Amino acid sequence: MAEKVVKKDGYYEVEPWRMTEYLHQHTVNDEAIKKMHQDRMLYLTWMHEQEACRCLPGYTKEELES
């Protein structure tokens, strides 16, 4: 199986034709795409709220000018 793996841009990938043996392509309608987008934005908002309090504060304008 190692000969079926391709290194591309520093990442290892399985050749697409190998994936068709195990996974079948499905069509996605606009409603499903909209739902995925909303879920992704909800997740990103949640991550920002969780991690923003741990970030270091940035420099003020006065500190940058001095």
N, C-alpha and C. Protein backbone atom coordinates (compact mmCIF):
# COMPACT_ATOMS: atom_id res chain seq x y z
N MET A 1 0.82 -1.19 0.00
CA MET A 1 0.00 0.00 0.00
C MET A 1 0.87 1.25 0.00
N ALA A 2 2.09 1.17 0.48
CA ALA A 2 2.94 2.35 0.55
C ALA A 2 3.21 2.93 -0.84
N GLU A 3 3.25 2.09 -1.85
CA GLU A 3 3.50 2.61 -3.20
C GLU A 3 2.30 3.38 -3.75
N LYS A 4 1.15 3.32 -3.09
CA LYS A 4 -0.05 4.01 -3.54
C LYS A 4 -0.18 5.39 -2.90
N VAL A 5 0.75 5.75 -2.04
CA VAL A 5 0.71 7.04 -1.36
C VAL A 5 1.61 8.02 -2.10
N VAL A 6 1.13 9.25 -2.26
CA VAL A 6 1.87 10.28 -2.99
C VAL A 6 2.23 11.40 -2.02
N LYS A 7 3.47 11.88 -2.12
CA LYS A 7 3.87 13.02 -1.31
C LYS A 7 3.71 14.26 -2.17
N LYS A 8 2.85 15.18 -1.72
CA LYS A 8 2.54 16.37 -2.50
C LYS A 8 2.58 17.58 -1.57
N ASP A 9 3.38 18.56 -1.90
CA ASP A 9 3.51 19.79 -1.10
C ASP A 9 3.85 19.50 0.35
N GLY A 10 4.64 18.50 0.60
CA GLY A 10 5.05 18.17 1.96
C GLY A 10 4.06 17.33 2.74
N TYR A 11 2.96 16.91 2.10
CA TYR A 11 1.94 16.09 2.76
C TYR A 11 1.81 14.76 2.03
N TYR A 12 1.48 13.73 2.77
CA TYR A 12 1.22 12.44 2.17
C TYR A 12 -0.25 12.34 1.82
N GLU A 13 -0.54 11.91 0.63
CA GLU A 13 -1.92 11.78 0.17
C GLU A 13 -2.11 10.42 -0.49
N VAL A 14 -3.29 9.89 -0.36
CA VAL A 14 -3.65 8.68 -1.08
C VAL A 14 -4.11 9.09 -2.46
N GLU A 15 -3.67 8.36 -3.47
CA GLU A 15 -4.08 8.70 -4.83
C GLU A 15 -5.60 8.65 -4.94
N PRO A 16 -6.22 9.64 -5.59
CA PRO A 16 -7.69 9.70 -5.67
C PRO A 16 -8.33 8.44 -6.24
N TRP A 17 -7.71 7.82 -7.21
CA TRP A 17 -8.32 6.61 -7.78
C TRP A 17 -8.39 5.48 -6.76
N ARG A 18 -7.48 5.47 -5.76
CA ARG A 18 -7.54 4.45 -4.70
C ARG A 18 -8.75 4.68 -3.80
N MET A 19 -9.08 5.94 -3.57
CA MET A 19 -10.19 6.25 -2.68
C MET A 19 -11.53 5.81 -3.27
N THR A 20 -11.64 5.78 -4.60
CA THR A 20 -12.91 5.38 -5.21
C THR A 20 -13.24 3.92 -4.96
N GLU A 21 -12.24 3.15 -4.56
CA GLU A 21 -12.51 1.75 -4.22
C GLU A 21 -13.32 1.64 -2.92
N TYR A 22 -13.14 2.61 -2.03
CA TYR A 22 -13.76 2.54 -0.71
C TYR A 22 -14.86 3.58 -0.49
N LEU A 23 -14.74 4.72 -1.14
CA LEU A 23 -15.70 5.80 -0.96
C LEU A 23 -16.35 6.13 -2.29
N HIS A 24 -17.61 6.45 -2.26
CA HIS A 24 -18.33 6.82 -3.47
C HIS A 24 -18.71 8.28 -3.39
N GLN A 25 -18.58 8.97 -4.50
CA GLN A 25 -18.89 10.40 -4.58
C GLN A 25 -20.39 10.61 -4.44
N HIS A 26 -20.76 11.57 -3.61
CA HIS A 26 -22.16 11.93 -3.44
C HIS A 26 -22.34 13.38 -3.85
N THR A 27 -23.49 13.67 -4.41
CA THR A 27 -23.78 15.06 -4.73
C THR A 27 -24.33 15.74 -3.47
N VAL A 28 -24.02 17.01 -3.35
CA VAL A 28 -24.45 17.79 -2.19
C VAL A 28 -25.33 18.92 -2.70
N ASN A 29 -26.51 19.04 -2.12
CA ASN A 29 -27.41 20.12 -2.57
C ASN A 29 -27.06 21.43 -1.85
N ASP A 30 -27.66 22.51 -2.32
CA ASP A 30 -27.36 23.83 -1.77
C ASP A 30 -27.72 23.95 -0.29
N GLU A 31 -28.78 23.28 0.12
CA GLU A 31 -29.20 23.34 1.52
C GLU A 31 -28.15 22.70 2.44
N ALA A 32 -27.57 21.60 2.00
CA ALA A 32 -26.53 20.94 2.79
C ALA A 32 -25.27 21.81 2.86
N ILE A 33 -24.92 22.46 1.76
CA ILE A 33 -23.76 23.34 1.76
C ILE A 33 -23.99 24.51 2.71
N LYS A 34 -25.18 25.07 2.69
CA LYS A 34 -25.51 26.18 3.59
C LYS A 34 -25.41 25.74 5.05
N LYS A 35 -25.89 24.54 5.36
CA LYS A 35 -25.82 24.00 6.72
C LYS A 35 -24.37 23.78 7.14
N MET A 36 -23.54 23.25 6.25
CA MET A 36 -22.13 23.05 6.57
C MET A 36 -21.44 24.38 6.84
N HIS A 37 -21.77 25.39 6.04
CA HIS A 37 -21.19 26.71 6.23
C HIS A 37 -21.60 27.30 7.58
N GLN A 38 -22.87 27.18 7.92
CA GLN A 38 -23.35 27.70 9.20
C GLN A 38 -22.68 26.98 10.37
N ASP A 39 -22.54 25.66 10.26
CA ASP A 39 -21.89 24.89 11.32
C ASP A 39 -20.43 25.28 11.46
N ARG A 40 -19.76 25.50 10.34
CA ARG A 40 -18.36 25.89 10.37
C ARG A 40 -18.19 27.26 11.03
N MET A 41 -19.06 28.20 10.69
CA MET A 41 -18.98 29.52 11.29
C MET A 41 -19.28 29.46 12.79
N LEU A 42 -20.22 28.64 13.19
CA LEU A 42 -20.53 28.45 14.60
C LEU A 42 -19.32 27.90 15.35
N TYR A 43 -18.67 26.91 14.75
CA TYR A 43 -17.47 26.32 15.35
C TYR A 43 -16.35 27.35 15.46
N LEU A 44 -16.10 28.11 14.40
CA LEU A 44 -15.04 29.11 14.43
C LEU A 44 -15.32 30.19 15.47
N THR A 45 -16.58 30.60 15.60
CA THR A 45 -16.95 31.58 16.61
C THR A 45 -16.70 31.03 18.01
N TRP A 46 -17.08 29.78 18.22
CA TRP A 46 -16.87 29.14 19.52
C TRP A 46 -15.36 29.05 19.83
N MET A 47 -14.57 28.64 18.84
CA MET A 47 -13.12 28.54 19.05
C MET A 47 -12.53 29.91 19.39
N HIS A 48 -12.97 30.93 18.69
CA HIS A 48 -12.46 32.27 18.96
C HIS A 48 -12.80 32.70 20.39
N GLU A 49 -14.02 32.43 20.82
CA GLU A 49 -14.43 32.81 22.17
C GLU A 49 -13.65 32.03 23.22
N GLN A 50 -13.30 30.78 22.94
CA GLN A 50 -12.56 29.97 23.90
C GLN A 50 -11.10 30.37 23.99
N GLU A 51 -10.51 30.69 22.86
CA GLU A 51 -9.08 30.94 22.82
C GLU A 51 -8.70 32.41 22.93
N ALA A 52 -9.63 33.33 22.66
CA ALA A 52 -9.28 34.75 22.66
C ALA A 52 -8.81 35.21 24.03
N CYS A 53 -9.35 34.65 25.09
CA CYS A 53 -8.96 35.08 26.43
C CYS A 53 -7.55 34.63 26.78
N ARG A 54 -7.01 33.67 26.05
CA ARG A 54 -5.66 33.17 26.32
C ARG A 54 -4.59 33.90 25.53
N CYS A 55 -4.99 34.68 24.56
CA CYS A 55 -4.03 35.39 23.71
C CYS A 55 -3.44 36.58 24.46
N LEU A 56 -2.21 36.87 24.12
CA LEU A 56 -1.56 38.03 24.72
C LEU A 56 -2.13 39.30 24.10
N PRO A 57 -2.27 40.34 24.91
CA PRO A 57 -2.76 41.59 24.33
C PRO A 57 -1.73 42.18 23.38
N GLY A 58 -2.21 42.85 22.36
CA GLY A 58 -1.32 43.47 21.39
C GLY A 58 -0.75 44.78 21.92
N TYR A 59 0.14 45.36 21.15
CA TYR A 59 0.71 46.65 21.53
C TYR A 59 -0.29 47.76 21.26
N THR A 60 -0.21 48.80 22.07
CA THR A 60 -1.04 49.98 21.81
C THR A 60 -0.33 50.83 20.76
N LYS A 61 -1.04 51.79 20.21
CA LYS A 61 -0.46 52.67 19.19
C LYS A 61 0.71 53.46 19.75
N GLU A 62 0.59 53.90 21.00
CA GLU A 62 1.65 54.66 21.64
C GLU A 62 2.91 53.82 21.82
N GLU A 63 2.74 52.58 22.20
CA GLU A 63 3.89 51.68 22.37
C GLU A 63 4.59 51.42 21.05
N LEU A 64 3.83 51.32 19.99
CA LEU A 64 4.45 51.08 18.68
C LEU A 64 5.19 52.30 18.16
N GLU A 65 4.71 53.48 18.49
CA GLU A 65 5.33 54.71 17.99
C GLU A 65 6.57 55.09 18.79
N SER A 66 6.74 54.58 20.00
CA SER A 66 7.90 54.94 20.81
C SER A 66 9.12 54.12 20.49
